[in-house]
Amino acid sequence: MYTIDLQAEELQLLRSALRSYLQAFGHNEADLVQAAKKLMLKLPEVADTKAG
């Protein structure tokens, strides 16, 4: 298990990068797409990080 601390802007960048990845590779690499989707589900929403 790994833990990383991200600023709100960094979290938004990570979410955007994963969405771009899914758009670019969504048709050919089903296993990677599934892994990226699972990762996105683990990420908190940016609004949630500001509440703490």
C-alpha atoms as a PDB file:
ATOM      1  CA  MET A   1       0.000   0.000   0.000  1.00  0.00           C
ATOM      2  CA  TYR A   2       1.264   3.457  -0.890  1.00  0.00           C
ATOM      3  CA  THR A   3       0.073   6.842   0.251  1.00  0.00           C
ATOM      4  CA  ILE A   4       0.700  10.106  -1.567  1.00  0.00           C
ATOM      5  CA  ASP A   5      -0.323  13.615  -0.612  1.00  0.00           C
ATOM      6  CA  LEU A   6      -1.716  15.751  -3.409  1.00  0.00           C
ATOM      7  CA  GLN A   7      -2.749  19.361  -3.513  1.00  0.00           C
ATOM      8  CA  ALA A   8      -6.193  20.004  -5.026  1.00  0.00           C
ATOM      9  CA  GLU A   9      -4.594  21.144  -8.291  1.00  0.00           C
ATOM     10  CA  GLU A  10      -2.470  17.991  -8.478  1.00  0.00           C
ATOM     11  CA  LEU A  11      -5.499  15.787  -7.879  1.00  0.00           C
ATOM     12  CA  GLN A  12      -7.369  17.585 -10.651  1.00  0.00           C
ATOM     13  CA  LEU A  13      -4.390  17.090 -12.973  1.00  0.00           C
ATOM     14  CA  LEU A  14      -4.308  13.370 -12.174  1.00  0.00           C
ATOM     15  CA  ARG A  15      -8.040  13.012 -12.846  1.00  0.00           C
ATOM     16  CA  SER A  16      -7.670  14.898 -16.147  1.00  0.00           C
ATOM     17  CA  ALA A  17      -4.726  12.743 -17.192  1.00  0.00           C
ATOM     18  CA  LEU A  18      -6.648   9.542 -16.487  1.00  0.00           C
ATOM     19  CA  ARG A  19      -9.676  10.793 -18.427  1.00  0.00           C
ATOM     20  CA  SER A  20      -7.413  11.660 -21.375  1.00  0.00           C
ATOM     21  CA  TYR A  21      -5.827   8.224 -21.171  1.00  0.00           C
ATOM     22  CA  LEU A  22      -9.232   6.559 -21.230  1.00  0.00           C
ATOM     23  CA  GLN A  23     -10.286   8.583 -24.266  1.00  0.00           C
ATOM     24  CA  ALA A  24      -7.096   7.765 -26.163  1.00  0.00           C
ATOM     25  CA  PHE A  25      -6.848   4.056 -25.356  1.00  0.00           C
ATOM     26  CA  GLY A  26     -10.412   3.082 -24.558  1.00  0.00           C
ATOM     27  CA  HIS A  27     -10.888   0.738 -27.497  1.00  0.00           C
ATOM     28  CA  ASN A  28      -7.824  -1.475 -27.680  1.00  0.00           C
ATOM     29  CA  GLU A  29      -6.492  -2.157 -24.184  1.00  0.00           C
ATOM     30  CA  ALA A  30      -9.490  -3.364 -22.174  1.00  0.00           C
ATOM     31  CA  ASP A  31      -7.410  -4.523 -19.192  1.00  0.00           C
ATOM     32  CA  LEU A  32      -5.650  -1.159 -18.881  1.00  0.00           C
ATOM     33  CA  VAL A  33      -8.918   0.719 -19.277  1.00  0.00           C
ATOM     34  CA  GLN A  34     -10.470  -1.335 -16.476  1.00  0.00           C
ATOM     35  CA  ALA A  35      -7.461  -0.676 -14.207  1.00  0.00           C
ATOM     36  CA  ALA A  36      -7.630   3.073 -14.928  1.00  0.00           C
ATOM     37  CA  LYS A  37     -11.355   3.136 -14.136  1.00  0.00           C
ATOM     38  CA  LYS A  38     -10.759   1.351 -10.832  1.00  0.00           C
ATOM     39  CA  LEU A  39      -8.038   3.862  -9.981  1.00  0.00           C
ATOM     40  CA  MET A  40     -10.334   6.779 -10.734  1.00  0.00           C
ATOM     41  CA  LEU A  41     -12.938   5.334  -8.359  1.00  0.00           C
ATOM     42  CA  LYS A  42     -10.360   5.433  -5.563  1.00  0.00           C
ATOM     43  CA  LEU A  43      -9.577   9.110  -6.097  1.00  0.00           C
ATOM     44  CA  PRO A  44     -11.525  11.594  -4.011  1.00  0.00           C
ATOM     45  CA  GLU A  45     -13.411  14.370  -5.727  1.00  0.00           C
ATOM     46  CA  VAL A  46     -11.540  17.671  -5.694  1.00  0.00           C
ATOM     47  CA  ALA A  47     -14.355  19.337  -3.726  1.00  0.00           C
ATOM     48  CA  ASP A  48     -13.954  16.693  -0.991  1.00  0.00           C
ATOM     49  CA  THR A  49     -10.310  17.610  -0.446  1.00  0.00           C
ATOM     50  CA  LYS A  50     -11.157  21.262   0.250  1.00  0.00           C
ATOM     51  CA  ALA A  51     -13.658  20.363   2.967  1.00  0.00           C
ATOM     52  CA  GLY A  52     -10.957  18.921   5.267  1.00  0.00           C
END
